[in-house]
Amino acid sequence: MGERKQLKMIQASVHKEPGQVTGIIWRGPTDLQTYAALKSYAAATDQSVAAAAKQLIQLSLANQLNK
């Protein structure tokens, strides 16, 4: 599958979830690949994309603030 077609498929799967307040905008190949990885992580951990993003942000911030 071509990269452009793959990006269009990922774009089609990006949607606003209930309660979304961060306003993250996923554009361009790098952002869409990151979103796809986040979506895969969410599925693997049986979470919504929003819950997975929140969890990863919390862990990352805690890690950065405790350096």
Protein backbone atom coordinates (compact mmCIF):
# COMPACT_ATOMS: atom_id res chain seq x y z
CA MET A 1 0.00 0.00 0.00
CA GLY A 2 1.34 3.43 -0.90
CA GLU A 3 2.24 5.91 1.82
CA ARG A 4 -0.33 8.44 0.61
CA LYS A 5 -3.13 5.86 0.69
CA GLN A 6 -2.04 4.68 4.15
CA LEU A 7 -2.07 8.28 5.44
CA LYS A 8 -5.56 8.83 4.04
CA MET A 9 -6.77 5.70 5.83
CA ILE A 10 -5.26 6.92 9.11
CA GLN A 11 -6.77 10.37 8.60
CA ALA A 12 -10.17 8.78 8.11
CA SER A 13 -9.83 6.96 11.43
CA VAL A 14 -8.93 10.11 13.41
CA HIS A 15 -11.99 11.48 15.15
CA LYS A 16 -12.84 13.58 18.16
CA GLU A 17 -13.74 11.50 21.18
CA PRO A 18 -16.30 12.49 23.84
CA GLY A 19 -14.73 14.81 26.40
CA GLN A 20 -11.72 15.66 24.24
CA VAL A 21 -10.31 18.96 25.40
CA THR A 22 -6.64 18.89 24.41
CA GLY A 23 -7.26 20.00 20.85
CA ILE A 24 -4.41 17.91 19.46
CA ILE A 25 -4.36 18.25 15.70
CA TRP A 26 -2.82 15.34 13.81
CA ARG A 27 -1.48 16.51 10.43
CA GLY A 28 1.26 15.34 8.17
CA PRO A 29 2.94 11.97 7.88
CA THR A 30 4.86 12.09 11.18
CA ASP A 31 1.82 13.14 13.22
CA LEU A 32 -0.37 10.53 11.57
CA GLN A 33 2.19 7.80 12.19
CA THR A 34 2.33 8.88 15.84
CA TYR A 35 -1.47 8.75 16.02
CA ALA A 36 -1.48 5.29 14.44
CA ALA A 37 1.04 4.10 17.05
CA LEU A 38 -1.09 5.64 19.81
CA LYS A 39 -4.20 3.95 18.43
CA SER A 40 -2.38 0.59 18.32
CA TYR A 41 -1.14 1.08 21.89
CA ALA A 42 -4.67 1.94 23.00
CA ALA A 43 -6.06 -1.21 21.39
CA ALA A 44 -3.29 -3.38 22.86
CA THR A 45 -3.97 -2.02 26.35
CA ASP A 46 -7.77 -2.13 25.97
CA GLN A 47 -8.19 1.64 26.33
CA SER A 48 -9.72 4.40 24.28
CA VAL A 49 -7.26 6.52 22.34
CA ALA A 50 -7.98 9.43 24.70
CA ALA A 51 -7.31 7.33 27.81
CA ALA A 52 -4.09 5.97 26.34
CA ALA A 53 -2.92 9.47 25.39
CA LYS A 54 -3.73 10.76 28.86
CA GLN A 55 -1.86 7.86 30.47
CA LEU A 56 1.21 8.36 28.29
CA ILE A 57 1.24 12.12 28.90
CA GLN A 58 0.97 11.60 32.65
CA LEU A 59 3.81 9.06 32.64
CA SER A 60 5.99 11.20 30.41
CA LEU A 61 5.45 14.34 32.49
CA ALA A 62 6.12 12.50 35.74
CA ASN A 63 9.31 11.13 34.21
CA GLN A 64 10.44 14.56 32.99
CA LEU A 65 9.56 16.38 36.22
CA ASN A 66 11.41 13.83 38.36
CA LYS A 67 14.73 14.20 36.52
